[in-house]
Amino acid sequence: MVEDLLEDQESDLLSQLEDRVVKALEAVAVLRKEKAALQTEVDKLNAELSAAKSKNKQAASRISKLLDQMEFPDVD
C-alpha cells in the first residue's frame, strides 16, 4: 500500500515535470520564431538606415559643390 502511494507520487511528479518540460519547449519555439521575426525587422531597418546615410552623404556633397560654385562678396 505504501509502495503504491509512492509510485503514484512518483508518477504524478514525473507527469508534472513532463508538463513543465513541454511548456518550456513550447516557449522556446515561440521565442525562436519571435527572434527570427525581430532579426528580419532589424535587417530591414539597417538597410533603411544605410540608404538614408547614403542619401545624406549625397545631399551633403551636392550642397558642398553648390557652395563652392557660389561667389561670395568680400567682407573687407
N, C-alpha and C. Protein backbone atom coordinates (compact mmCIF):
# COMPACT_ATOMS: atom_id res chain seq x y z
N MET A 1 0.82 -1.19 0.00
CA MET A 1 0.00 0.00 0.00
C MET A 1 0.87 1.27 0.00
N VAL A 2 1.90 1.30 0.82
CA VAL A 2 2.81 2.43 0.86
C VAL A 2 3.57 2.51 -0.45
N GLU A 3 3.92 1.37 -0.97
CA GLU A 3 4.63 1.34 -2.26
C GLU A 3 3.75 1.90 -3.37
N ASP A 4 2.47 1.56 -3.35
CA ASP A 4 1.55 2.09 -4.36
C ASP A 4 1.43 3.60 -4.25
N LEU A 5 1.39 4.09 -3.03
CA LEU A 5 1.30 5.53 -2.81
C LEU A 5 2.55 6.23 -3.32
N LEU A 6 3.72 5.63 -3.04
CA LEU A 6 4.97 6.20 -3.52
C LEU A 6 5.04 6.18 -5.05
N GLU A 7 4.59 5.11 -5.65
CA GLU A 7 4.58 5.01 -7.11
C GLU A 7 3.65 6.06 -7.72
N ASP A 8 2.50 6.26 -7.09
CA ASP A 8 1.56 7.28 -7.57
C ASP A 8 2.17 8.67 -7.46
N GLN A 9 2.87 8.93 -6.34
CA GLN A 9 3.51 10.24 -6.16
C GLN A 9 4.61 10.45 -7.19
N GLU A 10 5.39 9.39 -7.43
CA GLU A 10 6.45 9.49 -8.44
C GLU A 10 5.86 9.73 -9.81
N SER A 11 4.78 9.01 -10.09
CA SER A 11 4.12 9.17 -11.38
C SER A 11 3.58 10.59 -11.54
N ASP A 12 2.98 11.11 -10.48
CA ASP A 12 2.46 12.49 -10.52
C ASP A 12 3.60 13.49 -10.70
N LEU A 13 4.68 13.28 -9.98
CA LEU A 13 5.83 14.18 -10.10
C LEU A 13 6.43 14.13 -11.51
N LEU A 14 6.55 12.93 -12.04
CA LEU A 14 7.07 12.80 -13.40
C LEU A 14 6.13 13.43 -14.43
N SER A 15 4.84 13.28 -14.21
CA SER A 15 3.86 13.88 -15.11
C SER A 15 3.94 15.41 -15.03
N GLN A 16 4.08 15.93 -13.84
CA GLN A 16 4.21 17.38 -13.67
C GLN A 16 5.50 17.87 -14.32
N LEU A 17 6.57 17.14 -14.14
CA LEU A 17 7.84 17.52 -14.73
C LEU A 17 7.74 17.49 -16.26
N GLU A 18 7.10 16.46 -16.78
CA GLU A 18 6.93 16.35 -18.22
C GLU A 18 6.12 17.53 -18.75
N ASP A 19 5.06 17.91 -18.05
CA ASP A 19 4.24 19.05 -18.46
C ASP A 19 5.08 20.33 -18.47
N ARG A 20 5.90 20.50 -17.46
CA ARG A 20 6.74 21.69 -17.39
C ARG A 20 7.77 21.72 -18.51
N VAL A 21 8.34 20.56 -18.82
CA VAL A 21 9.32 20.48 -19.91
C VAL A 21 8.64 20.79 -21.25
N VAL A 22 7.46 20.25 -21.46
CA VAL A 22 6.72 20.51 -22.71
C VAL A 22 6.41 22.00 -22.83
N LYS A 23 5.96 22.62 -21.75
CA LYS A 23 5.67 24.06 -21.77
C LYS A 23 6.94 24.86 -22.04
N ALA A 24 8.05 24.45 -21.46
CA ALA A 24 9.31 25.14 -21.69
C ALA A 24 9.73 25.03 -23.15
N LEU A 25 9.58 23.85 -23.73
CA LEU A 25 9.91 23.65 -25.14
C LEU A 25 9.01 24.48 -26.06
N GLU A 26 7.74 24.57 -25.72
CA GLU A 26 6.82 25.40 -26.50
C GLU A 26 7.22 26.87 -26.40
N ALA A 27 7.60 27.30 -25.21
CA ALA A 27 8.03 28.69 -25.02
C ALA A 27 9.30 28.97 -25.83
N VAL A 28 10.22 28.03 -25.85
CA VAL A 28 11.45 28.20 -26.62
C VAL A 28 11.13 28.32 -28.11
N ALA A 29 10.20 27.51 -28.59
CA ALA A 29 9.82 27.56 -30.00
C ALA A 29 9.21 28.92 -30.35
N VAL A 30 8.35 29.42 -29.48
CA VAL A 30 7.74 30.73 -29.71
C VAL A 30 8.81 31.82 -29.70
N LEU A 31 9.71 31.76 -28.75
CA LEU A 31 10.77 32.76 -28.65
C LEU A 31 11.69 32.73 -29.87
N ARG A 32 11.97 31.56 -30.38
CA ARG A 32 12.80 31.45 -31.59
C ARG A 32 12.11 32.10 -32.79
N LYS A 33 10.81 31.87 -32.91
CA LYS A 33 10.06 32.49 -34.01
C LYS A 33 10.07 34.01 -33.86
N GLU A 34 9.86 34.48 -32.64
CA GLU A 34 9.87 35.93 -32.39
C GLU A 34 11.25 36.51 -32.68
N LYS A 35 12.29 35.79 -32.30
CA LYS A 35 13.66 36.26 -32.56
C LYS A 35 13.90 36.37 -34.06
N ALA A 36 13.46 35.39 -34.81
CA ALA A 36 13.65 35.42 -36.26
C ALA A 36 12.90 36.60 -36.87
N ALA A 37 11.69 36.85 -36.41
CA ALA A 37 10.91 37.98 -36.92
C ALA A 37 11.59 39.30 -36.57
N LEU A 38 12.09 39.40 -35.35
CA LEU A 38 12.78 40.62 -34.94
C LEU A 38 14.08 40.81 -35.72
N GLN A 39 14.79 39.73 -35.99
CA GLN A 39 16.03 39.84 -36.76
C GLN A 39 15.73 40.33 -38.18
N THR A 40 14.64 39.86 -38.75
CA THR A 40 14.22 40.33 -40.08
C THR A 40 13.94 41.83 -40.03
N GLU A 41 13.26 42.26 -39.00
CA GLU A 41 12.95 43.69 -38.84
C GLU A 41 14.23 44.51 -38.65
N VAL A 42 15.16 43.99 -37.86
CA VAL A 42 16.44 44.69 -37.65
C VAL A 42 17.19 44.81 -38.97
N ASP A 43 17.22 43.74 -39.74
CA ASP A 43 17.89 43.78 -41.04
C ASP A 43 17.26 44.81 -41.96
N LYS A 44 15.94 44.87 -41.96
CA LYS A 44 15.22 45.84 -42.78
C LYS A 44 15.56 47.26 -42.34
N LEU A 45 15.54 47.49 -41.04
CA LEU A 45 15.84 48.83 -40.53
C LEU A 45 17.29 49.22 -40.79
N ASN A 46 18.20 48.27 -40.70
CA ASN A 46 19.60 48.55 -41.01
C ASN A 46 19.77 48.93 -42.47
N ALA A 47 19.04 48.26 -43.35
CA ALA A 47 19.10 48.59 -44.78
C ALA A 47 18.55 50.00 -45.02
N GLU A 48 17.45 50.33 -44.35
CA GLU A 48 16.87 51.67 -44.48
C GLU A 48 17.84 52.73 -43.95
N LEU A 49 18.49 52.44 -42.84
CA LEU A 49 19.45 53.38 -42.26
C LEU A 49 20.63 53.59 -43.21
N SER A 50 21.10 52.52 -43.79
CA SER A 50 22.21 52.62 -44.73
C SER A 50 21.82 53.48 -45.94
N ALA A 51 20.61 53.27 -46.45
CA ALA A 51 20.13 54.06 -47.58
C ALA A 51 20.00 55.52 -47.19
N ALA A 52 19.51 55.79 -45.99
CA ALA A 52 19.36 57.17 -45.54
C ALA A 52 20.73 57.84 -45.38
N LYS A 53 21.69 57.11 -44.86
CA LYS A 53 23.04 57.66 -44.72
C LYS A 53 23.63 57.99 -46.09
N SER A 54 23.41 57.12 -47.04
CA SER A 54 23.91 57.34 -48.39
C SER A 54 23.28 58.59 -49.00
N LYS A 55 21.98 58.74 -48.85
CA LYS A 55 21.29 59.93 -49.36
C LYS A 55 21.81 61.18 -48.67
N ASN A 56 22.06 61.08 -47.38
CA ASN A 56 22.58 62.22 -46.62
C ASN A 56 23.96 62.63 -47.15
N LYS A 57 24.81 61.64 -47.42
CA LYS A 57 26.14 61.95 -47.96
C LYS A 57 26.03 62.60 -49.33
N GLN A 58 25.11 62.10 -50.17
CA GLN A 58 24.92 62.67 -51.49
C GLN A 58 24.44 64.12 -51.38
N ALA A 59 23.51 64.37 -50.49
CA ALA A 59 23.00 65.73 -50.31
C ALA A 59 24.10 66.65 -49.81
N ALA A 60 24.90 66.19 -48.86
CA ALA A 60 26.00 66.99 -48.34
C ALA A 60 27.00 67.30 -49.44
N SER A 61 27.27 66.33 -50.29
CA SER A 61 28.20 66.54 -51.39
C SER A 61 27.64 67.58 -52.38
N ARG A 62 26.37 67.48 -52.69
CA ARG A 62 25.75 68.45 -53.60
C ARG A 62 25.78 69.86 -53.02
N ILE A 63 25.47 69.97 -51.74
CA ILE A 63 25.49 71.29 -51.09
C ILE A 63 26.90 71.85 -51.09
N SER A 64 27.86 71.01 -50.83
CA SER A 64 29.25 71.46 -50.83
C SER A 64 29.66 71.96 -52.21
N LYS A 65 29.27 71.23 -53.25
CA LYS A 65 29.59 71.65 -54.62
C LYS A 65 28.90 72.96 -54.96
N LEU A 66 27.65 73.12 -54.55
CA LEU A 66 26.92 74.37 -54.81
C LEU A 66 27.58 75.55 -54.10
N LEU A 67 27.99 75.32 -52.86
CA LEU A 67 28.65 76.39 -52.10
C LEU A 67 29.99 76.75 -52.74
N ASP A 68 30.68 75.76 -53.25
CA ASP A 68 31.95 76.03 -53.92
C ASP A 68 31.75 76.85 -55.19
N GLN A 69 30.63 76.68 -55.85
CA GLN A 69 30.35 77.40 -57.10
C GLN A 69 29.85 78.82 -56.87
N MET A 70 29.32 79.06 -55.68
CA MET A 70 28.78 80.40 -55.40
C MET A 70 29.88 81.41 -55.18
N GLU A 71 29.63 82.63 -55.60
CA GLU A 71 30.59 83.70 -55.37
C GLU A 71 30.10 84.51 -54.19
N PHE A 72 30.97 84.66 -53.23
CA PHE A 72 30.63 85.43 -52.04
C PHE A 72 31.32 86.79 -52.12
N PRO A 73 30.62 87.84 -51.70
CA PRO A 73 31.27 89.16 -51.71
C PRO A 73 32.38 89.21 -50.66
N ASP A 74 33.37 90.03 -50.92
CA ASP A 74 34.45 90.20 -49.96
C ASP A 74 33.92 90.95 -48.75
N VAL A 75 34.34 90.57 -47.59
CA VAL A 75 33.87 91.17 -46.37
C VAL A 75 34.75 92.37 -45.97
N ASP A 76 35.85 92.57 -46.61
CA ASP A 76 36.79 93.66 -46.27
C ASP A 76 36.13 94.94 -46.12
